């Protein structure tokens, strides 16, 4: 059965105010099944979310998501990566025709600025170790490359040499910019360090030690600022997911299958980590992988779980929420777009 088309850009259901009822009503409206290769990322274009980047290890897929009400998302570009492969890929702020990739080939450790229209690498940034995660600045040509040698490197897309290097005790490390790009965070083991983007050569201006809030053998695997930059979502290797006050580091919530008790400490976990989580654009809700199934759990950021979304046959490894609309994207081998049902 053909899934229902996406609503037109000005359709009321695409601009719903997010409430618990709305997020519980999210359902799969479109699925792309083009193979059995695991996706290596998921990213809406930074302009207005009109394109969705969903690369695999062997090629780049770009979908157009701004459509008329009679259409479905369309695969508009599919370009092979050749012998390099793809470990990570993100749109840059230069528009949907420019992406930054990290090759999967261990012998070609680098970042590569890829002009999709010309199908050319326009700049190559050498690395001493492969990058496994990329965090893009929201408004400047800056990127944080999290590398397999336990270092985070800050690059300008205009210079092939790194601006700064931050050592970590985790492999791979985690890093993220806040939504304004004023601050960035780097994780090292069980600690989070905050840096001023304009003074990146100076020491961290703040930091949080989560040793007493995570299981003994856990280390931080993901960082994500809320849209208002007042909260920081910290994911750990043991599936624990903590929401922190981004200024003072206080724990505000324990969201995903976590054994952490805010008052009494934590216990050990051994389950593999679900995918990184995603905030809704208003910061009220957090979407994340379930510990128990291929489902997605929906949490109030400062409350409890409000729902579970079923639709994937494999656990999604990547999540991305549209920057302005009630559209959630998730990816395992397949790519799915989730839309709310008829507005209440």
C-alpha atoms as a PDB file:
ATOM      1  CA  UNK A   1       0.000   0.000   0.000  1.00  0.00           C
ATOM      2  CA  UNK A   2       1.364   3.415  -0.965  1.00  0.00           C
ATOM      3  CA  UNK A   3       2.023   5.626   2.118  1.00  0.00           C
ATOM      4  CA  UNK A   4       0.136   8.938   2.247  1.00  0.00           C
ATOM      5  CA  UNK A   5       1.895  11.921   0.666  1.00  0.00           C
ATOM      6  CA  UNK A   6       3.590  14.597   2.692  1.00  0.00           C
ATOM      7  CA  UNK A   7       1.403  17.649   3.352  1.00  0.00           C
ATOM      8  CA  UNK A   8       2.014  20.780   1.350  1.00  0.00           C
ATOM      9  CA  UNK A   9       4.372  23.295   2.960  1.00  0.00           C
ATOM     10  CA  UNK A  10       1.462  25.488   4.063  1.00  0.00           C
ATOM     11  CA  UNK A  11      -0.769  22.630   5.163  1.00  0.00           C
ATOM     12  CA  UNK A  12      -1.888  23.079   8.818  1.00  0.00           C
ATOM     13  CA  UNK A  13      -0.633  19.650   9.841  1.00  0.00           C
ATOM     14  CA  UNK A  14       2.923  20.605   8.872  1.00  0.00           C
ATOM     15  CA  UNK A  15       2.918  23.512  11.341  1.00  0.00           C
ATOM     16  CA  UNK A  16       1.308  21.866  14.346  1.00  0.00           C
ATOM     17  CA  UNK A  17       2.139  23.156  17.773  1.00  0.00           C
ATOM     18  CA  UNK A  18       3.778  20.215  19.490  1.00  0.00           C
ATOM     19  CA  UNK A  19       1.855  18.714  22.361  1.00  0.00           C
ATOM     20  CA  UNK A  20       1.866  15.240  23.895  1.00  0.00           C
ATOM     21  CA  UNK A  21      -1.137  14.292  21.748  1.00  0.00           C
ATOM     22  CA  UNK A  22       0.580  15.493  18.587  1.00  0.00           C
ATOM     23  CA  UNK A  23       3.863  13.631  19.153  1.00  0.00           C
ATOM     24  CA  UNK A  24       1.997  10.462  20.136  1.00  0.00           C
ATOM     25  CA  UNK A  25       0.158  10.658  16.807  1.00  0.00           C
ATOM     26  CA  UNK A  26       3.347  10.653  14.720  1.00  0.00           C
ATOM     27  CA  UNK A  27       3.288   7.797  12.219  1.00  0.00           C
ATOM     28  CA  UNK A  28       5.356   6.685   9.250  1.00  0.00           C
ATOM     29  CA  UNK A  29       4.159   8.580   6.163  1.00  0.00           C
ATOM     30  CA  UNK A  30       6.981   7.603   3.814  1.00  0.00           C
ATOM     31  CA  UNK A  31       9.746   5.009   3.711  1.00  0.00           C
ATOM     32  CA  UNK A  32      12.716   4.672   1.362  1.00  0.00           C
ATOM     33  CA  UNK A  33      13.889   1.070   0.952  1.00  0.00           C
ATOM     34  CA  UNK A  34      16.775   1.094  -1.489  1.00  0.00           C
ATOM     35  CA  UNK A  35      19.028  -1.606  -0.120  1.00  0.00           C
ATOM     36  CA  UNK A  36      20.410  -3.346   2.939  1.00  0.00           C
ATOM     37  CA  UNK A  37      23.368  -1.064   3.632  1.00  0.00           C
ATOM     38  CA  UNK A  38      23.308   0.715   6.992  1.00  0.00           C
ATOM     39  CA  UNK A  39      22.945   4.502   6.857  1.00  0.00           C
ATOM     40  CA  UNK A  40      25.867   6.579   8.126  1.00  0.00           C
ATOM     41  CA  UNK A  41      24.037   9.763   9.012  1.00  0.00           C
ATOM     42  CA  UNK A  42      20.862  11.812   8.741  1.00  0.00           C
ATOM     43  CA  UNK A  43      20.713  15.592   8.312  1.00  0.00           C
ATOM     44  CA  UNK A  44      18.155  18.164   7.169  1.00  0.00           C
ATOM     45  CA  UNK A  45      19.531  21.024   5.070  1.00  0.00           C
ATOM     46  CA  UNK A  46      20.247  24.103   7.212  1.00  0.00           C
ATOM     47  CA  UNK A  47      18.270  26.581   5.087  1.00  0.00           C
ATOM     48  CA  UNK A  48      14.698  25.409   5.595  1.00  0.00           C
ATOM     49  CA  UNK A  49      14.932  21.655   5.834  1.00  0.00           C
ATOM     50  CA  UNK A  50      13.906  21.237   2.202  1.00  0.00           C
ATOM     51  CA  UNK A  51      16.519  18.507   1.626  1.00  0.00           C
ATOM     52  CA  UNK A  52      17.422  15.423   3.649  1.00  0.00           C
ATOM     53  CA  UNK A  53      20.895  13.865   3.543  1.00  0.00           C
ATOM     54  CA  UNK A  54      20.948  10.120   4.265  1.00  0.00           C
ATOM     55  CA  UNK A  55      24.286   8.597   3.174  1.00  0.00           C
ATOM     56  CA  UNK A  56      25.231   4.944   3.286  1.00  0.00           C
ATOM     57  CA  UNK A  57      28.771   3.618   3.574  1.00  0.00           C
ATOM     58  CA  UNK A  58      29.055   3.471  -0.218  1.00  0.00           C
ATOM     59  CA  UNK A  59      27.082   6.436  -1.573  1.00  0.00           C
ATOM     60  CA  UNK A  60      25.363   9.733  -0.831  1.00  0.00           C
ATOM     61  CA  UNK A  61      21.570   9.996  -0.977  1.00  0.00           C
ATOM     62  CA  UNK A  62      19.836  13.388  -1.005  1.00  0.00           C
ATOM     63  CA  UNK A  63      16.035  13.640  -0.887  1.00  0.00           C
ATOM     64  CA  UNK A  64      13.862  16.647  -1.631  1.00  0.00           C
ATOM     65  CA  UNK A  65      11.320  17.053   1.174  1.00  0.00           C
ATOM     66  CA  UNK A  66       9.570  20.336   0.242  1.00  0.00           C
ATOM     67  CA  UNK A  67       6.861  19.085  -2.070  1.00  0.00           C
ATOM     68  CA  UNK A  68       3.388  19.701  -3.386  1.00  0.00           C
ATOM     69  CA  UNK A  69       0.583  17.857  -1.655  1.00  0.00           C
ATOM     70  CA  UNK A  70       0.351  15.301  -4.488  1.00  0.00           C
ATOM     71  CA  UNK A  71       3.996  14.275  -4.281  1.00  0.00           C
ATOM     72  CA  UNK A  72       6.223  12.157  -2.069  1.00  0.00           C
ATOM     73  CA  UNK A  73       9.847  12.816  -1.131  1.00  0.00           C
ATOM     74  CA  UNK A  74      12.116  12.177  -4.093  1.00  0.00           C
ATOM     75  CA  UNK A  75      15.665  10.925  -4.331  1.00  0.00           C
ATOM     76  CA  UNK A  76      17.254  13.795  -6.252  1.00  0.00           C
ATOM     77  CA  UNK A  77      20.916  12.782  -5.984  1.00  0.00           C
ATOM     78  CA  UNK A  78      22.731   9.492  -5.526  1.00  0.00           C
ATOM     79  CA  UNK A  79      26.499   9.723  -5.887  1.00  0.00           C
ATOM     80  CA  UNK A  80      28.993   6.903  -5.205  1.00  0.00           C
ATOM     81  CA  UNK A  81      31.867   7.538  -2.815  1.00  0.00           C
ATOM     82  CA  UNK A  82      34.230   5.216  -4.656  1.00  0.00           C
ATOM     83  CA  UNK A  83      36.987   3.467  -2.716  1.00  0.00           C
ATOM     84  CA  UNK A  84      36.821   6.035   0.115  1.00  0.00           C
ATOM     85  CA  UNK A  85      33.489   5.004   1.601  1.00  0.00           C
ATOM     86  CA  UNK A  86      31.602   7.203   4.072  1.00  0.00           C
ATOM     87  CA  UNK A  87      31.847   7.114   7.864  1.00  0.00           C
ATOM     88  CA  UNK A  88      29.949  10.363   8.473  1.00  0.00           C
ATOM     89  CA  UNK A  89      28.425  13.179   6.405  1.00  0.00           C
ATOM     90  CA  UNK A  90      26.711  16.501   7.105  1.00  0.00           C
ATOM     91  CA  UNK A  91      25.339  19.444   5.150  1.00  0.00           C
ATOM     92  CA  UNK A  92      27.358  22.649   5.472  1.00  0.00           C
ATOM     93  CA  UNK A  93      25.815  26.077   5.885  1.00  0.00           C
ATOM     94  CA  UNK A  94      26.691  26.789   2.239  1.00  0.00           C
ATOM     95  CA  UNK A  95      23.520  25.062   1.108  1.00  0.00           C
ATOM     96  CA  UNK A  96      22.223  21.631   0.103  1.00  0.00           C
ATOM     97  CA  UNK A  97      24.763  21.262  -2.722  1.00  0.00           C
ATOM     98  CA  UNK A  98      27.702  21.168  -0.300  1.00  0.00           C
ATOM     99  CA  UNK A  99      28.362  18.433   2.228  1.00  0.00           C
ATOM    100  CA  UNK A 100      31.299  17.504   4.431  1.00  0.00           C
ATOM    101  CA  UNK A 101      32.204  13.826   4.556  1.00  0.00           C
ATOM    102  CA  UNK A 102      34.589  11.672   6.555  1.00  0.00           C
ATOM    103  CA  UNK A 103      35.834   8.673   4.527  1.00  0.00           C
ATOM    104  CA  UNK A 104      35.439   5.199   5.973  1.00  0.00           C
ATOM    105  CA  UNK A 105      38.672   3.996   4.379  1.00  0.00           C
ATOM    106  CA  UNK A 106      41.213   3.819   7.219  1.00  0.00           C
ATOM    107  CA  UNK A 107      44.049   4.699   4.827  1.00  0.00           C
ATOM    108  CA  UNK A 108      42.403   7.980   3.773  1.00  0.00           C
ATOM    109  CA  UNK A 109      41.884   9.695   7.128  1.00  0.00           C
ATOM    110  CA  UNK A 110      40.548  13.112   6.172  1.00  0.00           C
ATOM    111  CA  UNK A 111      37.554  15.388   5.860  1.00  0.00           C
ATOM    112  CA  UNK A 112      36.355  16.173   2.346  1.00  0.00           C
ATOM    113  CA  UNK A 113      34.253  19.105   1.205  1.00  0.00           C
ATOM    114  CA  UNK A 114      32.065  17.703  -1.560  1.00  0.00           C
ATOM    115  CA  UNK A 115      30.301  19.869  -4.160  1.00  0.00           C
ATOM    116  CA  UNK A 116      27.387  17.620  -5.107  1.00  0.00           C
ATOM    117  CA  UNK A 117      26.426  19.657  -8.153  1.00  0.00           C
ATOM    118  CA  UNK A 118      29.897  19.356  -9.680  1.00  0.00           C
ATOM    119  CA  UNK A 119      30.499  15.968  -8.004  1.00  0.00           C
ATOM    120  CA  UNK A 120      33.957  17.117  -6.951  1.00  0.00           C
ATOM    121  CA  UNK A 121      35.908  17.325  -3.717  1.00  0.00           C
ATOM    122  CA  UNK A 122      36.744  21.018  -3.489  1.00  0.00           C
ATOM    123  CA  UNK A 123      38.904  20.794  -0.352  1.00  0.00           C
ATOM    124  CA  UNK A 124      40.564  17.980   1.595  1.00  0.00           C
ATOM    125  CA  UNK A 125      41.461  18.263   5.289  1.00  0.00           C
ATOM    126  CA  UNK A 126      44.120  15.694   6.303  1.00  0.00           C
ATOM    127  CA  UNK A 127      43.661  13.900   9.629  1.00  0.00           C
ATOM    128  CA  UNK A 128      46.019  11.659  11.636  1.00  0.00           C
ATOM    129  CA  UNK A 129      43.089   9.352  12.427  1.00  0.00           C
ATOM    130  CA  UNK A 130      39.667   8.786  10.834  1.00  0.00           C
ATOM    131  CA  UNK A 131      36.742  10.957  11.907  1.00  0.00           C
ATOM    132  CA  UNK A 132      33.618   9.120  13.020  1.00  0.00           C
ATOM    133  CA  UNK A 133      31.328  12.038  13.887  1.00  0.00           C
ATOM    134  CA  UNK A 134      30.964  15.625  12.629  1.00  0.00           C
ATOM    135  CA  UNK A 135      29.354  18.559  14.460  1.00  0.00           C
ATOM    136  CA  UNK A 136      28.680  21.560  12.229  1.00  0.00           C
ATOM    137  CA  UNK A 137      28.519  25.172  13.423  1.00  0.00           C
ATOM    138  CA  UNK A 138      25.013  26.561  12.751  1.00  0.00           C
ATOM    139  CA  UNK A 139      26.124  29.817  11.098  1.00  0.00           C
ATOM    140  CA  UNK A 140      29.895  29.713  10.469  1.00  0.00           C
ATOM    141  CA  UNK A 141      32.187  27.555   8.340  1.00  0.00           C
ATOM    142  CA  UNK A 142      33.365  25.589  11.374  1.00  0.00           C
ATOM    143  CA  UNK A 143      33.220  21.888  12.182  1.00  0.00           C
ATOM    144  CA  UNK A 144      34.170  19.727  15.143  1.00  0.00           C
ATOM    145  CA  UNK A 145      35.619  16.411  13.943  1.00  0.00           C
ATOM    146  CA  UNK A 146      35.502  13.598  16.504  1.00  0.00           C
ATOM    147  CA  UNK A 147      38.342  11.258  15.593  1.00  0.00           C
ATOM    148  CA  UNK A 148      39.278   7.667  16.366  1.00  0.00           C
ATOM    149  CA  UNK A 149      42.474   8.767  18.130  1.00  0.00           C
ATOM    150  CA  UNK A 150      40.371  10.186  21.002  1.00  0.00           C
ATOM    151  CA  UNK A 151      40.794  13.783  19.853  1.00  0.00           C
ATOM    152  CA  UNK A 152      38.313  16.440  18.771  1.00  0.00           C
ATOM    153  CA  UNK A 153      39.643  18.807  16.103  1.00  0.00           C
ATOM    154  CA  UNK A 154      38.159  22.177  15.250  1.00  0.00           C
ATOM    155  CA  UNK A 155      38.404  23.124  11.568  1.00  0.00           C
ATOM    156  CA  UNK A 156      37.466  26.110   9.485  1.00  0.00           C
ATOM    157  CA  UNK A 157      36.199  24.989   6.079  1.00  0.00           C
ATOM    158  CA  UNK A 158      38.506  27.647   4.616  1.00  0.00           C
ATOM    159  CA  UNK A 159      41.731  26.115   5.998  1.00  0.00           C
ATOM    160  CA  UNK A 160      42.993  22.565   5.681  1.00  0.00           C
ATOM    161  CA  UNK A 161      44.833  22.718   9.014  1.00  0.00           C
ATOM    162  CA  UNK A 162      42.937  22.429  12.312  1.00  0.00           C
ATOM    163  CA  UNK A 163      42.406  25.555  14.389  1.00  0.00           C
ATOM    164  CA  UNK A 164      42.545  23.624  17.650  1.00  0.00           C
ATOM    165  CA  UNK A 165      42.793  20.123  19.088  1.00  0.00           C
ATOM    166  CA  UNK A 166      41.124  18.810  22.237  1.00  0.00           C
ATOM    167  CA  UNK A 167      42.288  15.539  23.801  1.00  0.00           C
ATOM    168  CA  UNK A 168      39.725  13.140  25.224  1.00  0.00           C
ATOM    169  CA  UNK A 169      39.757   9.953  27.261  1.00  0.00           C
ATOM    170  CA  UNK A 170      37.029   8.413  25.073  1.00  0.00           C
ATOM    171  CA  UNK A 171      37.281   6.734  21.695  1.00  0.00           C
ATOM    172  CA  UNK A 172      35.541   8.019  19.781  1.00  0.00           C
ATOM    173  CA  UNK A 173      34.973  11.313  21.617  1.00  0.00           C
ATOM    174  CA  UNK A 174      31.776  13.383  21.501  1.00  0.00           C
ATOM    175  CA  UNK A 175      31.314  17.081  20.755  1.00  0.00           C
ATOM    176  CA  UNK A 176      28.546  19.536  19.863  1.00  0.00           C
ATOM    177  CA  UNK A 177      27.887  23.217  19.203  1.00  0.00           C
ATOM    178  CA  UNK A 178      24.969  24.947  20.860  1.00  0.00           C
ATOM    179  CA  UNK A 179      22.196  26.120  18.530  1.00  0.00           C
ATOM    180  CA  UNK A 180      23.622  29.659  18.280  1.00  0.00           C
ATOM    181  CA  UNK A 181      27.188  28.458  17.909  1.00  0.00           C
ATOM    182  CA  UNK A 182      28.360  30.567  20.852  1.00  0.00           C
ATOM    183  CA  UNK A 183      29.514  27.595  22.928  1.00  0.00           C
ATOM    184  CA  UNK A 184      30.693  24.095  22.120  1.00  0.00           C
ATOM    185  CA  UNK A 185      31.017  21.086  24.375  1.00  0.00           C
ATOM    186  CA  UNK A 186      33.570  18.256  24.281  1.00  0.00           C
ATOM    187  CA  UNK A 187      33.326  15.055  26.292  1.00  0.00           C
ATOM    188  CA  UNK A 188      36.278  13.274  27.828  1.00  0.00           C
ATOM    189  CA  UNK A 189      35.498   9.989  29.504  1.00  0.00           C
ATOM    190  CA  UNK A 190      32.817  10.933  32.033  1.00  0.00           C
ATOM    191  CA  UNK A 191      33.407  14.681  31.950  1.00  0.00           C
ATOM    192  CA  UNK A 192      31.959  17.491  29.816  1.00  0.00           C
ATOM    193  CA  UNK A 193      33.985  20.628  29.038  1.00  0.00           C
ATOM    194  CA  UNK A 194      32.456  23.860  27.692  1.00  0.00           C
ATOM    195  CA  UNK A 195      34.390  26.257  25.436  1.00  0.00           C
ATOM    196  CA  UNK A 196      33.739  29.733  24.071  1.00  0.00           C
ATOM    197  CA  UNK A 197      33.700  29.425  20.274  1.00  0.00           C
ATOM    198  CA  UNK A 198      35.306  32.855  19.876  1.00  0.00           C
ATOM    199  CA  UNK A 199      38.070  31.962  22.350  1.00  0.00           C
ATOM    200  CA  UNK A 200      38.678  28.335  21.432  1.00  0.00           C
ATOM    201  CA  UNK A 201      42.424  28.567  22.150  1.00  0.00           C
ATOM    202  CA  UNK A 202      41.712  29.236  25.810  1.00  0.00           C
ATOM    203  CA  UNK A 203      40.867  26.609  28.391  1.00  0.00           C
ATOM    204  CA  UNK A 204      37.325  25.446  28.988  1.00  0.00           C
ATOM    205  CA  UNK A 205      35.326  28.038  30.921  1.00  0.00           C
ATOM    206  CA  UNK A 206      33.166  25.401  32.634  1.00  0.00           C
ATOM    207  CA  UNK A 207      32.917  21.649  33.073  1.00  0.00           C
ATOM    208  CA  UNK A 208      30.830  18.895  34.641  1.00  0.00           C
ATOM    209  CA  UNK A 209      32.051  15.621  36.110  1.00  0.00           C
ATOM    210  CA  UNK A 210      29.393  12.911  35.731  1.00  0.00           C
ATOM    211  CA  UNK A 211      31.367  10.149  37.445  1.00  0.00           C
ATOM    212  CA  UNK A 212      28.845   9.885  40.266  1.00  0.00           C
ATOM    213  CA  UNK A 213      25.892   9.975  37.851  1.00  0.00           C
ATOM    214  CA  UNK A 214      26.861   7.282  35.355  1.00  0.00           C
ATOM    215  CA  UNK A 215      27.553   3.554  35.821  1.00  0.00           C
ATOM    216  CA  UNK A 216      31.118   2.744  36.752  1.00  0.00           C
ATOM    217  CA  UNK A 217      32.282   1.578  33.310  1.00  0.00           C
ATOM    218  CA  UNK A 218      30.285   4.099  31.285  1.00  0.00           C
ATOM    219  CA  UNK A 219      31.745   6.860  29.143  1.00  0.00           C
ATOM    220  CA  UNK A 220      30.003   9.657  27.267  1.00  0.00           C
ATOM    221  CA  UNK A 221      29.176   8.842  23.634  1.00  0.00           C
ATOM    222  CA  UNK A 222      26.964  11.748  22.515  1.00  0.00           C
ATOM    223  CA  UNK A 223      26.220  15.395  23.325  1.00  0.00           C
ATOM    224  CA  UNK A 224      23.288  17.482  22.115  1.00  0.00           C
ATOM    225  CA  UNK A 225      22.225  20.997  23.102  1.00  0.00           C
ATOM    226  CA  UNK A 226      18.543  21.866  23.240  1.00  0.00           C
ATOM    227  CA  UNK A 227      17.243  24.472  20.748  1.00  0.00           C
ATOM    228  CA  UNK A 228      17.295  27.125  23.476  1.00  0.00           C
ATOM    229  CA  UNK A 229      20.814  25.997  24.538  1.00  0.00           C
ATOM    230  CA  UNK A 230      19.720  25.849  28.179  1.00  0.00           C
ATOM    231  CA  UNK A 231      19.807  22.048  28.354  1.00  0.00           C
ATOM    232  CA  UNK A 232      22.444  19.507  27.355  1.00  0.00           C
ATOM    233  CA  UNK A 233      21.518  15.914  26.547  1.00  0.00           C
ATOM    234  CA  UNK A 234      24.310  13.478  27.437  1.00  0.00           C
ATOM    235  CA  UNK A 235      24.295   9.905  26.116  1.00  0.00           C
ATOM    236  CA  UNK A 236      26.507   7.191  27.599  1.00  0.00           C
ATOM    237  CA  UNK A 237      27.922   3.866  26.425  1.00  0.00           C
ATOM    238  CA  UNK A 238      25.555   2.069  28.783  1.00  0.00           C
ATOM    239  CA  UNK A 239      22.344   3.505  27.235  1.00  0.00           C
ATOM    240  CA  UNK A 240      21.950   6.056  30.006  1.00  0.00           C
ATOM    241  CA  UNK A 241      20.620   9.389  28.748  1.00  0.00           C
ATOM    242  CA  UNK A 242      20.747  12.373  31.095  1.00  0.00           C
ATOM    243  CA  UNK A 243      19.374  15.862  30.607  1.00  0.00           C
ATOM    244  CA  UNK A 244      21.585  18.478  32.263  1.00  0.00           C
ATOM    245  CA  UNK A 245      21.274  22.150  32.988  1.00  0.00           C
ATOM    246  CA  UNK A 246      23.753  23.425  30.395  1.00  0.00           C
ATOM    247  CA  UNK A 247      24.964  26.236  32.656  1.00  0.00           C
ATOM    248  CA  UNK A 248      25.406  24.569  36.037  1.00  0.00           C
ATOM    249  CA  UNK A 249      25.467  20.877  35.070  1.00  0.00           C
ATOM    250  CA  UNK A 250      22.620  19.835  37.349  1.00  0.00           C
ATOM    251  CA  UNK A 251      20.791  16.650  36.324  1.00  0.00           C
ATOM    252  CA  UNK A 252      17.243  17.581  35.343  1.00  0.00           C
ATOM    253  CA  UNK A 253      16.000  14.245  34.045  1.00  0.00           C
ATOM    254  CA  UNK A 254      17.036  10.656  33.329  1.00  0.00           C
ATOM    255  CA  UNK A 255      15.257   9.680  30.154  1.00  0.00           C
ATOM    256  CA  UNK A 256      16.146   6.470  28.355  1.00  0.00           C
ATOM    257  CA  UNK A 257      16.123   3.137  30.130  1.00  0.00           C
ATOM    258  CA  UNK A 258      18.519   4.590  32.667  1.00  0.00           C
ATOM    259  CA  UNK A 259      19.185   2.964  36.013  1.00  0.00           C
ATOM    260  CA  UNK A 260      20.421   6.281  37.374  1.00  0.00           C
ATOM    261  CA  UNK A 261      18.558   7.563  40.403  1.00  0.00           C
ATOM    262  CA  UNK A 262      18.949  11.335  40.763  1.00  0.00           C
ATOM    263  CA  UNK A 263      19.051  11.158  44.545  1.00  0.00           C
ATOM    264  CA  UNK A 264      20.695   7.831  45.272  1.00  0.00           C
ATOM    265  CA  UNK A 265      23.293   7.168  42.572  1.00  0.00           C
ATOM    266  CA  UNK A 266      23.402   4.664  39.714  1.00  0.00           C
ATOM    267  CA  UNK A 267      23.852   1.003  38.841  1.00  0.00           C
ATOM    268  CA  UNK A 268      25.764  -0.794  36.099  1.00  0.00           C
ATOM    269  CA  UNK A 269      24.357  -1.273  32.583  1.00  0.00           C
ATOM    270  CA  UNK A 270      25.529  -3.651  29.885  1.00  0.00           C
ATOM    271  CA  UNK A 271      23.080  -3.084  26.987  1.00  0.00           C
ATOM    272  CA  UNK A 272      24.449  -1.653  23.728  1.00  0.00           C
ATOM    273  CA  UNK A 273      23.806   2.055  23.192  1.00  0.00           C
ATOM    274  CA  UNK A 274      20.754   3.052  21.150  1.00  0.00           C
ATOM    275  CA  UNK A 275      21.134   5.820  18.571  1.00  0.00           C
ATOM    276  CA  UNK A 276      21.710   9.444  19.500  1.00  0.00           C
ATOM    277  CA  UNK A 277      18.579  11.319  20.461  1.00  0.00           C
ATOM    278  CA  UNK A 278      16.863  14.315  18.861  1.00  0.00           C
ATOM    279  CA  UNK A 279      15.093  17.311  20.373  1.00  0.00           C
ATOM    280  CA  UNK A 280      11.860  18.627  18.897  1.00  0.00           C
ATOM    281  CA  UNK A 281      12.375  22.157  17.478  1.00  0.00           C
ATOM    282  CA  UNK A 282      10.684  23.706  20.520  1.00  0.00           C
ATOM    283  CA  UNK A 283      12.824  21.686  22.943  1.00  0.00           C
ATOM    284  CA  UNK A 284       9.790  20.278  24.755  1.00  0.00           C
ATOM    285  CA  UNK A 285      10.273  16.662  23.654  1.00  0.00           C
ATOM    286  CA  UNK A 286      13.136  14.225  23.163  1.00  0.00           C
ATOM    287  CA  UNK A 287      13.002  11.316  20.718  1.00  0.00           C
ATOM    288  CA  UNK A 288      15.370   8.395  21.206  1.00  0.00           C
ATOM    289  CA  UNK A 289      15.855   4.728  20.476  1.00  0.00           C
ATOM    290  CA  UNK A 290      14.212   2.182  22.723  1.00  0.00           C
ATOM    291  CA  UNK A 291      16.266  -0.260  24.785  1.00  0.00           C
ATOM    292  CA  UNK A 292      13.657  -2.946  24.202  1.00  0.00           C
ATOM    293  CA  UNK A 293      12.685  -2.865  20.508  1.00  0.00           C
ATOM    294  CA  UNK A 294      13.142  -1.089  17.148  1.00  0.00           C
ATOM    295  CA  UNK A 295      10.637   1.489  18.394  1.00  0.00           C
ATOM    296  CA  UNK A 296      11.274   5.146  19.183  1.00  0.00           C
ATOM    297  CA  UNK A 297      10.502   6.488  22.634  1.00  0.00           C
ATOM    298  CA  UNK A 298       9.087   9.984  23.096  1.00  0.00           C
ATOM    299  CA  UNK A 299       9.832  11.824  26.330  1.00  0.00           C
ATOM    300  CA  UNK A 300       8.887  15.165  27.735  1.00  0.00           C
ATOM    301  CA  UNK A 301      12.278  16.779  28.219  1.00  0.00           C
ATOM    302  CA  UNK A 302      11.489  17.611  31.838  1.00  0.00           C
ATOM    303  CA  UNK A 303       8.968  14.837  32.421  1.00  0.00           C
ATOM    304  CA  UNK A 304       8.300  11.191  31.725  1.00  0.00           C
ATOM    305  CA  UNK A 305       7.830   9.049  28.658  1.00  0.00           C
ATOM    306  CA  UNK A 306       4.697  10.071  26.782  1.00  0.00           C
ATOM    307  CA  UNK A 307       4.640   7.536  23.963  1.00  0.00           C
ATOM    308  CA  UNK A 308       6.305   4.963  21.766  1.00  0.00           C
ATOM    309  CA  UNK A 309       6.456   5.091  17.965  1.00  0.00           C
ATOM    310  CA  UNK A 310       6.430   1.795  16.071  1.00  0.00           C
ATOM    311  CA  UNK A 311       7.343   1.397  12.426  1.00  0.00           C
ATOM    312  CA  UNK A 312      10.959   0.235  12.011  1.00  0.00           C
ATOM    313  CA  UNK A 313      11.926  -3.415  11.724  1.00  0.00           C
ATOM    314  CA  UNK A 314      15.516  -2.629  12.801  1.00  0.00           C
ATOM    315  CA  UNK A 315      16.625  -0.278  15.533  1.00  0.00           C
ATOM    316  CA  UNK A 316      17.192   3.175  13.976  1.00  0.00           C
ATOM    317  CA  UNK A 317      20.759   4.415  14.240  1.00  0.00           C
ATOM    318  CA  UNK A 318      20.088   8.067  13.375  1.00  0.00           C
ATOM    319  CA  UNK A 319      17.346  10.582  14.165  1.00  0.00           C
ATOM    320  CA  UNK A 320      16.763  14.134  12.950  1.00  0.00           C
ATOM    321  CA  UNK A 321      13.857  16.509  13.509  1.00  0.00           C
ATOM    322  CA  UNK A 322      12.945  19.032  10.844  1.00  0.00           C
ATOM    323  CA  UNK A 323      14.129  22.490  11.993  1.00  0.00           C
ATOM    324  CA  UNK A 324      10.718  24.178  11.717  1.00  0.00           C
ATOM    325  CA  UNK A 325       8.015  21.568  11.110  1.00  0.00           C
ATOM    326  CA  UNK A 326       6.466  18.553  12.786  1.00  0.00           C
ATOM    327  CA  UNK A 327       8.474  16.077  10.698  1.00  0.00           C
ATOM    328  CA  UNK A 328      10.770  13.455  12.230  1.00  0.00           C
ATOM    329  CA  UNK A 329      13.290  11.479  10.153  1.00  0.00           C
ATOM    330  CA  UNK A 330      14.805   8.179  11.289  1.00  0.00           C
ATOM    331  CA  UNK A 331      17.165   5.765   9.591  1.00  0.00           C
ATOM    332  CA  UNK A 332      18.514   2.251   9.889  1.00  0.00           C
ATOM    333  CA  UNK A 333      18.968   0.712   6.440  1.00  0.00           C
ATOM    334  CA  UNK A 334      15.649   2.325   5.543  1.00  0.00           C
ATOM    335  CA  UNK A 335      14.835   6.015   5.843  1.00  0.00           C
ATOM    336  CA  UNK A 336      11.448   6.973   7.297  1.00  0.00           C
ATOM    337  CA  UNK A 337       9.626  10.275   7.651  1.00  0.00           C
ATOM    338  CA  UNK A 338       7.103  10.549  10.466  1.00  0.00           C
ATOM    339  CA  UNK A 339       4.189  13.000  10.368  1.00  0.00           C
ATOM    340  CA  UNK A 340       1.379  13.703  12.836  1.00  0.00           C
ATOM    341  CA  UNK A 341      -2.084  12.471  11.990  1.00  0.00           C
ATOM    342  CA  UNK A 342      -5.023  14.819  11.512  1.00  0.00           C
ATOM    343  CA  UNK A 343      -4.671  17.770  13.905  1.00  0.00           C
ATOM    344  CA  UNK A 344      -6.817  17.464  17.063  1.00  0.00           C
END
